[in-house]
């Protein structure tokens, strides 16, 4: 069996196997698509406690990176824990308030939330 040459013998240019979104000459639209494909997908347990408009807000924050990813992740954790405590979905205005609180004070957390286990240095001492 003979090895094939990397150059097409017909003289035509070979097609790239790398998707256009992963090339270096990407425009803004392709970067947004690329960031959505790679970054984060909400788990079923998270979606249960996040309203659809809240989920859209989260995906927008991740795609545009207007909010740091660390803050977005903490806000998701706090919103899901709050939704579990009240047994209902967290609406977009409440999620926005959580993001604002985290941007103002990164040690912000809802008392009794699972983030106390993730961030033990910020636990409340009574």
N, C-alpha and C. Protein backbone atom coordinates (compact mmCIF):
# COMPACT_ATOMS: atom_id res chain seq x y z
N UNK A 1 0.84 -1.17 0.00
CA UNK A 1 0.00 0.00 0.00
C UNK A 1 0.89 1.24 0.00
N UNK A 2 0.56 2.16 -0.81
CA UNK A 2 1.36 3.36 -1.01
C UNK A 2 0.83 4.51 -0.15
N UNK A 3 1.75 5.27 0.43
CA UNK A 3 1.34 6.46 1.20
C UNK A 3 0.90 7.55 0.26
N UNK A 4 -0.13 8.28 0.70
CA UNK A 4 -0.62 9.38 -0.12
C UNK A 4 0.16 10.64 0.21
N UNK A 5 0.44 11.39 -0.78
CA UNK A 5 1.13 12.65 -0.61
C UNK A 5 0.18 13.67 0.00
N UNK A 6 0.67 14.56 0.89
CA UNK A 6 -0.21 15.58 1.46
C UNK A 6 -0.67 16.60 0.42
N UNK A 7 -0.02 16.63 -0.72
CA UNK A 7 -0.40 17.57 -1.78
C UNK A 7 -1.32 16.85 -2.75
N UNK A 8 -2.43 17.47 -3.08
CA UNK A 8 -3.36 16.90 -4.04
C UNK A 8 -2.73 16.98 -5.43
N UNK A 9 -2.67 15.86 -6.15
CA UNK A 9 -1.99 15.81 -7.44
C UNK A 9 -2.76 16.51 -8.54
N UNK A 10 -4.03 16.82 -8.32
CA UNK A 10 -4.80 17.49 -9.36
C UNK A 10 -4.52 18.98 -9.37
N UNK A 11 -3.81 19.49 -8.39
CA UNK A 11 -3.48 20.90 -8.35
C UNK A 11 -4.51 21.75 -7.63
N UNK A 12 -5.60 21.15 -7.21
CA UNK A 12 -6.61 21.92 -6.47
C UNK A 12 -6.26 21.94 -4.99
N UNK A 13 -6.77 22.94 -4.32
CA UNK A 13 -6.48 23.09 -2.90
C UNK A 13 -7.32 22.09 -2.10
N UNK A 14 -6.72 21.45 -1.12
CA UNK A 14 -7.44 20.49 -0.28
C UNK A 14 -8.28 21.22 0.75
N UNK A 15 -9.39 20.62 1.11
CA UNK A 15 -10.27 21.21 2.12
C UNK A 15 -9.68 20.99 3.50
N UNK A 16 -9.83 21.99 4.34
CA UNK A 16 -9.34 21.89 5.70
C UNK A 16 -10.33 21.08 6.53
N UNK A 17 -9.81 20.22 7.39
CA UNK A 17 -10.66 19.45 8.29
C UNK A 17 -10.98 20.21 9.56
N UNK A 18 -10.34 21.33 9.77
CA UNK A 18 -10.59 22.15 10.95
C UNK A 18 -11.77 23.06 10.68
N UNK A 19 -12.80 23.05 11.57
CA UNK A 19 -13.94 23.94 11.35
C UNK A 19 -13.53 25.40 11.32
N UNK A 20 -14.28 26.20 10.61
CA UNK A 20 -13.95 27.62 10.48
C UNK A 20 -13.93 28.33 11.82
N UNK A 21 -14.74 27.89 12.77
CA UNK A 21 -14.79 28.57 14.06
C UNK A 21 -13.50 28.39 14.86
N UNK A 22 -12.65 27.42 14.47
CA UNK A 22 -11.41 27.19 15.20
C UNK A 22 -10.19 27.77 14.49
N UNK A 23 -10.39 28.46 13.40
CA UNK A 23 -9.27 29.07 12.69
C UNK A 23 -8.88 30.38 13.35
N UNK A 24 -7.71 30.87 12.99
CA UNK A 24 -7.21 32.08 13.63
C UNK A 24 -7.85 33.35 13.09
N UNK A 25 -8.46 33.31 11.92
CA UNK A 25 -9.04 34.52 11.33
C UNK A 25 -10.55 34.60 11.62
N UNK A 26 -10.91 34.39 12.86
CA UNK A 26 -12.32 34.36 13.24
C UNK A 26 -12.86 35.76 13.46
N UNK A 27 -14.10 35.96 13.07
CA UNK A 27 -14.80 37.19 13.37
C UNK A 27 -15.52 37.07 14.70
N UNK A 28 -16.21 38.12 15.12
CA UNK A 28 -16.91 38.12 16.40
C UNK A 28 -17.96 37.03 16.46
N UNK A 29 -18.72 36.86 15.40
CA UNK A 29 -19.78 35.85 15.39
C UNK A 29 -19.23 34.45 15.60
N UNK A 30 -18.12 34.14 14.95
CA UNK A 30 -17.52 32.81 15.11
C UNK A 30 -16.94 32.63 16.49
N UNK A 31 -16.40 33.69 17.08
CA UNK A 31 -15.88 33.58 18.44
C UNK A 31 -17.00 33.29 19.42
N UNK A 32 -18.17 33.92 19.22
CA UNK A 32 -19.31 33.67 20.11
C UNK A 32 -19.78 32.24 19.98
N UNK A 33 -19.86 31.74 18.76
CA UNK A 33 -20.27 30.35 18.55
C UNK A 33 -19.26 29.42 19.18
N UNK A 34 -17.97 29.70 19.00
CA UNK A 34 -16.91 28.88 19.56
C UNK A 34 -16.98 28.86 21.07
N UNK A 35 -17.21 30.02 21.71
CA UNK A 35 -17.25 30.06 23.17
C UNK A 35 -18.47 29.34 23.70
N UNK A 36 -19.58 29.37 22.97
CA UNK A 36 -20.77 28.65 23.41
C UNK A 36 -20.58 27.15 23.30
N UNK A 37 -19.85 26.70 22.30
CA UNK A 37 -19.69 25.28 22.10
C UNK A 37 -18.75 24.65 23.12
N UNK A 38 -17.82 25.39 23.65
CA UNK A 38 -16.79 24.81 24.46
C UNK A 38 -16.99 25.03 25.96
N UNK A 39 -17.56 26.12 26.35
CA UNK A 39 -17.48 26.55 27.74
C UNK A 39 -18.33 25.76 28.74
N UNK A 40 -19.67 25.82 28.65
CA UNK A 40 -20.50 25.33 29.75
C UNK A 40 -21.88 24.95 29.27
N UNK A 41 -22.42 23.88 29.80
CA UNK A 41 -23.80 23.48 29.59
C UNK A 41 -24.42 23.30 30.96
N UNK A 42 -25.61 23.83 31.15
CA UNK A 42 -26.29 23.70 32.44
C UNK A 42 -26.79 22.27 32.62
N UNK A 43 -26.54 21.73 33.78
CA UNK A 43 -26.98 20.38 34.12
C UNK A 43 -28.49 20.39 34.38
N UNK A 44 -29.13 19.22 34.26
CA UNK A 44 -30.57 19.12 34.51
C UNK A 44 -30.94 19.62 35.91
N UNK A 45 -30.11 19.31 36.90
CA UNK A 45 -30.38 19.76 38.27
C UNK A 45 -30.32 21.29 38.36
N UNK A 46 -29.44 21.91 37.60
CA UNK A 46 -29.36 23.37 37.59
C UNK A 46 -30.53 23.97 36.85
N UNK A 47 -30.88 23.38 35.71
CA UNK A 47 -31.99 23.92 34.91
C UNK A 47 -33.32 23.84 35.65
N UNK A 48 -33.46 22.86 36.53
CA UNK A 48 -34.70 22.71 37.29
C UNK A 48 -34.97 23.95 38.14
N UNK A 49 -33.93 24.57 38.67
CA UNK A 49 -34.10 25.71 39.57
C UNK A 49 -33.79 27.05 38.93
N UNK A 50 -33.61 27.08 37.61
CA UNK A 50 -33.36 28.32 36.89
C UNK A 50 -34.43 28.51 35.83
N UNK A 51 -35.11 29.66 35.87
CA UNK A 51 -36.14 29.96 34.87
C UNK A 51 -35.50 30.06 33.48
N UNK A 52 -36.28 29.83 32.42
CA UNK A 52 -35.70 29.89 31.06
C UNK A 52 -35.01 31.22 30.74
N UNK A 53 -35.58 32.35 31.16
CA UNK A 53 -34.91 33.63 30.88
C UNK A 53 -33.61 33.76 31.69
N UNK A 54 -33.56 33.12 32.86
CA UNK A 54 -32.32 33.11 33.64
C UNK A 54 -31.26 32.28 32.93
N UNK A 55 -31.66 31.15 32.37
CA UNK A 55 -30.72 30.31 31.62
C UNK A 55 -30.17 31.06 30.41
N UNK A 56 -31.04 31.80 29.73
CA UNK A 56 -30.59 32.61 28.60
C UNK A 56 -29.59 33.67 29.02
N UNK A 57 -29.85 34.28 30.18
CA UNK A 57 -28.93 35.30 30.71
C UNK A 57 -27.57 34.67 31.02
N UNK A 58 -27.59 33.47 31.59
CA UNK A 58 -26.34 32.78 31.92
C UNK A 58 -25.54 32.48 30.66
N UNK A 59 -26.21 31.94 29.65
CA UNK A 59 -25.50 31.64 28.40
C UNK A 59 -24.97 32.90 27.73
N UNK A 60 -25.70 34.01 27.86
CA UNK A 60 -25.21 35.27 27.29
C UNK A 60 -23.97 35.74 28.04
N UNK A 61 -23.99 35.66 29.39
CA UNK A 61 -22.81 36.05 30.17
C UNK A 61 -21.60 35.20 29.79
N UNK A 62 -21.82 33.90 29.60
CA UNK A 62 -20.71 33.02 29.24
C UNK A 62 -20.19 33.33 27.84
N UNK A 63 -21.09 33.56 26.90
CA UNK A 63 -20.70 33.81 25.51
C UNK A 63 -19.98 35.13 25.34
N UNK A 64 -20.49 36.18 25.97
CA UNK A 64 -19.90 37.50 25.78
C UNK A 64 -18.80 37.80 26.77
N UNK A 65 -18.70 37.03 27.84
CA UNK A 65 -17.73 37.23 28.91
C UNK A 65 -17.81 38.63 29.50
N UNK A 66 -19.01 39.22 29.52
CA UNK A 66 -19.18 40.53 30.15
C UNK A 66 -19.07 40.42 31.67
N UNK A 67 -19.33 39.25 32.21
CA UNK A 67 -19.14 38.96 33.63
C UNK A 67 -18.04 37.89 33.69
N UNK A 68 -17.07 38.03 34.62
CA UNK A 68 -16.02 37.01 34.72
C UNK A 68 -16.63 35.62 34.96
N UNK A 69 -16.02 34.60 34.39
CA UNK A 69 -16.55 33.24 34.49
C UNK A 69 -16.64 32.76 35.93
N UNK A 70 -15.69 33.16 36.76
CA UNK A 70 -15.73 32.78 38.18
C UNK A 70 -16.99 33.33 38.84
N UNK A 71 -17.33 34.58 38.54
CA UNK A 71 -18.53 35.20 39.11
C UNK A 71 -19.78 34.51 38.58
N UNK A 72 -19.81 34.19 37.31
CA UNK A 72 -20.96 33.51 36.72
C UNK A 72 -21.17 32.15 37.37
N UNK A 73 -20.08 31.40 37.57
CA UNK A 73 -20.19 30.08 38.21
C UNK A 73 -20.70 30.21 39.64
N UNK A 74 -20.15 31.15 40.39
CA UNK A 74 -20.64 31.37 41.77
C UNK A 74 -22.10 31.77 41.77
N UNK A 75 -22.51 32.62 40.84
CA UNK A 75 -23.91 33.06 40.77
C UNK A 75 -24.82 31.89 40.44
N UNK A 76 -24.38 31.00 39.55
CA UNK A 76 -25.18 29.81 39.24
C UNK A 76 -25.34 28.95 40.49
N UNK A 77 -24.24 28.73 41.21
CA UNK A 77 -24.27 27.93 42.43
C UNK A 77 -25.22 28.53 43.46
N UNK A 78 -25.11 29.84 43.68
CA UNK A 78 -25.97 30.51 44.66
C UNK A 78 -27.44 30.48 44.22
N UNK A 79 -27.70 30.70 42.93
CA UNK A 79 -29.08 30.71 42.44
C UNK A 79 -29.71 29.33 42.54
N UNK A 80 -28.96 28.30 42.20
CA UNK A 80 -29.49 26.94 42.29
C UNK A 80 -29.76 26.57 43.74
N UNK A 81 -28.86 26.92 44.64
CA UNK A 81 -29.09 26.61 46.05
C UNK A 81 -30.29 27.38 46.59
N UNK A 82 -30.46 28.63 46.18
CA UNK A 82 -31.62 29.41 46.59
C UNK A 82 -32.90 28.82 46.01
N UNK A 83 -32.86 28.42 44.75
CA UNK A 83 -34.02 27.78 44.13
C UNK A 83 -34.40 26.49 44.83
N UNK A 84 -33.40 25.71 45.26
CA UNK A 84 -33.68 24.47 45.99
C UNK A 84 -34.28 24.77 47.35
N UNK A 85 -33.80 25.84 48.01
CA UNK A 85 -34.35 26.21 49.32
C UNK A 85 -35.81 26.63 49.22
N UNK A 86 -36.16 27.37 48.19
CA UNK A 86 -37.55 27.84 48.05
C UNK A 86 -38.38 26.94 47.15
N UNK A 87 -37.77 25.88 46.59
CA UNK A 87 -38.42 24.88 45.75
C UNK A 87 -39.14 25.51 44.56
N UNK A 88 -38.50 26.46 43.92
CA UNK A 88 -39.03 27.07 42.70
C UNK A 88 -37.87 27.64 41.90
N UNK A 89 -38.15 27.95 40.65
CA UNK A 89 -37.12 28.46 39.75
C UNK A 89 -36.77 29.90 40.08
N UNK A 90 -35.49 30.22 39.98
CA UNK A 90 -35.00 31.58 40.20
C UNK A 90 -35.21 32.39 38.92
N UNK A 91 -35.89 33.51 39.04
CA UNK A 91 -36.17 34.38 37.89
C UNK A 91 -34.96 35.25 37.57
N UNK A 92 -34.97 35.83 36.39
CA UNK A 92 -33.84 36.63 35.89
C UNK A 92 -33.50 37.83 36.79
N UNK A 93 -34.50 38.61 37.29
CA UNK A 93 -34.13 39.75 38.15
C UNK A 93 -33.40 39.33 39.43
N UNK A 94 -33.80 38.19 40.01
CA UNK A 94 -33.12 37.71 41.21
C UNK A 94 -31.71 37.25 40.87
N UNK A 95 -31.54 36.56 39.74
CA UNK A 95 -30.21 36.14 39.33
C UNK A 95 -29.32 37.36 39.08
N UNK A 96 -29.88 38.38 38.46
CA UNK A 96 -29.13 39.61 38.21
C UNK A 96 -28.70 40.26 39.53
N UNK A 97 -29.57 40.21 40.54
CA UNK A 97 -29.22 40.76 41.86
C UNK A 97 -28.10 39.95 42.50
N UNK A 98 -28.12 38.63 42.32
CA UNK A 98 -27.04 37.79 42.86
C UNK A 98 -25.72 38.12 42.18
N UNK A 99 -25.75 38.30 40.86
CA UNK A 99 -24.53 38.67 40.12
C UNK A 99 -24.01 40.02 40.61
N UNK A 100 -24.91 41.00 40.79
CA UNK A 100 -24.49 42.31 41.29
C UNK A 100 -23.87 42.21 42.67
N UNK A 101 -24.47 41.39 43.54
CA UNK A 101 -23.92 41.20 44.89
C UNK A 101 -22.54 40.58 44.83
N UNK A 102 -22.35 39.61 43.96
CA UNK A 102 -21.03 38.97 43.82
C UNK A 102 -20.00 39.92 43.22
N UNK A 103 -20.43 40.78 42.31
CA UNK A 103 -19.50 41.76 41.74
C UNK A 103 -19.08 42.79 42.79
N UNK A 104 -20.01 43.15 43.67
CA UNK A 104 -19.69 44.11 44.73
C UNK A 104 -18.81 43.50 45.81
N UNK A 105 -19.11 42.26 46.19
CA UNK A 105 -18.39 41.60 47.27
C UNK A 105 -18.24 40.13 46.92
N UNK A 106 -17.05 39.71 46.56
CA UNK A 106 -16.84 38.33 46.11
C UNK A 106 -17.00 37.31 47.23
N UNK A 107 -17.04 37.75 48.48
CA UNK A 107 -17.25 36.81 49.57
C UNK A 107 -18.73 36.62 49.88
N UNK A 108 -19.62 37.27 49.08
CA UNK A 108 -21.06 37.14 49.29
C UNK A 108 -21.51 35.70 49.09
N UNK A 109 -22.37 35.22 49.98
CA UNK A 109 -23.01 33.92 49.80
C UNK A 109 -24.28 33.87 50.61
N UNK A 110 -25.18 33.03 50.20
CA UNK A 110 -26.44 32.85 50.91
C UNK A 110 -26.18 31.87 52.05
N UNK A 111 -26.53 32.23 53.30
CA UNK A 111 -26.27 31.33 54.44
C UNK A 111 -26.96 29.97 54.24
N UNK A 112 -26.24 28.90 54.56
CA UNK A 112 -26.78 27.56 54.42
C UNK A 112 -26.67 26.98 53.03
N UNK A 113 -25.96 27.65 52.15
CA UNK A 113 -25.84 27.17 50.77
C UNK A 113 -24.66 26.21 50.64
N UNK A 114 -24.68 25.38 49.60
CA UNK A 114 -23.56 24.45 49.37
C UNK A 114 -22.24 25.15 49.09
N UNK A 115 -22.26 26.43 48.76
CA UNK A 115 -21.00 27.11 48.48
C UNK A 115 -20.14 27.23 49.72
N UNK A 116 -20.73 27.04 50.90
CA UNK A 116 -19.92 27.06 52.12
C UNK A 116 -18.92 25.90 52.10
N UNK A 117 -19.31 24.79 51.47
CA UNK A 117 -18.40 23.65 51.37
C UNK A 117 -17.34 23.89 50.30
N UNK A 118 -17.72 24.59 49.24
CA UNK A 118 -16.79 24.87 48.15
C UNK A 118 -15.81 25.96 48.54
N UNK A 119 -16.32 26.99 49.23
CA UNK A 119 -15.51 28.13 49.64
C UNK A 119 -15.50 28.21 51.17
N UNK A 120 -14.78 27.29 51.88
CA UNK A 120 -14.85 27.26 53.34
C UNK A 120 -14.29 28.51 54.00
N UNK A 121 -13.43 29.25 53.34
CA UNK A 121 -12.85 30.44 53.96
C UNK A 121 -13.89 31.54 54.12
N UNK A 122 -15.00 31.45 53.38
CA UNK A 122 -16.01 32.49 53.48
C UNK A 122 -17.20 32.05 54.32
N UNK A 123 -17.07 30.97 55.10
CA UNK A 123 -18.16 30.49 55.94
C UNK A 123 -18.43 31.47 57.08
N UNK A 124 -19.69 31.50 57.48
CA UNK A 124 -20.08 32.35 58.60
C UNK A 124 -19.74 31.65 59.90
N UNK A 125 -19.22 32.40 60.86
CA UNK A 125 -18.90 31.85 62.17
C UNK A 125 -19.85 32.49 63.17
N UNK A 126 -20.60 31.65 63.86
CA UNK A 126 -21.57 32.17 64.85
C UNK A 126 -21.13 31.83 66.25
